[in-house]
Amino acid sequence: MKPAGAITFERRVPAVLWAFAGLWLLVVAAATAVALFGPAADGVSRAGVLVGLGVLWLAGLGLWRFASRQRLLRVDVAADGSVAIAWRSPFRVERRHVAAWDVFPAGVVATDTPEGEAMFTCRVVLQDGTWLDLAQSTDRDAVQAVVSRFNAVAGRRPFR
């Protein structure tokens, strides 16, 4: 539950991956039903179709396993600078409350993508070493805006 007066930061990118994986499995399930219970097409080996569907099932289940390990992130920053964190996966929610003095200022982390493009991340590090990625983009100014907003709301001054 969001504390009164709290400002929320959310990262919902994994939901797209969850939806894609679920849609993939739904399509493969429909194709499997048609292959098993529908009429056989002339000149097509049913065994070959089932082997192909088996490969699609393996790919879909691997994708779902990967997708289900990606977590949505919600961070509520209270007026006193304390942080309520919720990590959500498809079948589980993990919640944590962190005192203001255990939250370092947000900063921009720059990395390169495999294609050589610069990727910028707004990262908040907690006292215990846990890090929270609040935003990610190829646009440094957009990420810097999130960093500035978090630090202003949380009452943090960035390290120099």
Foldseek 3Di string as FASTA:
>chain_A
DADPPWDKFKDDVLVVLQVVLVVLVVVLVVQVCCLVPNDDDPPDDSVVSVVVSVVSVVVSVVSNVVSQVQWIWMWIQHQQLKIWIWTDGPPDIDIDTGHRVQKAQWDWDWDADPVRQIKIWTWIAGNVGDIDTRDIDSDPVVRVVVSVVSCVRSVHDHDD
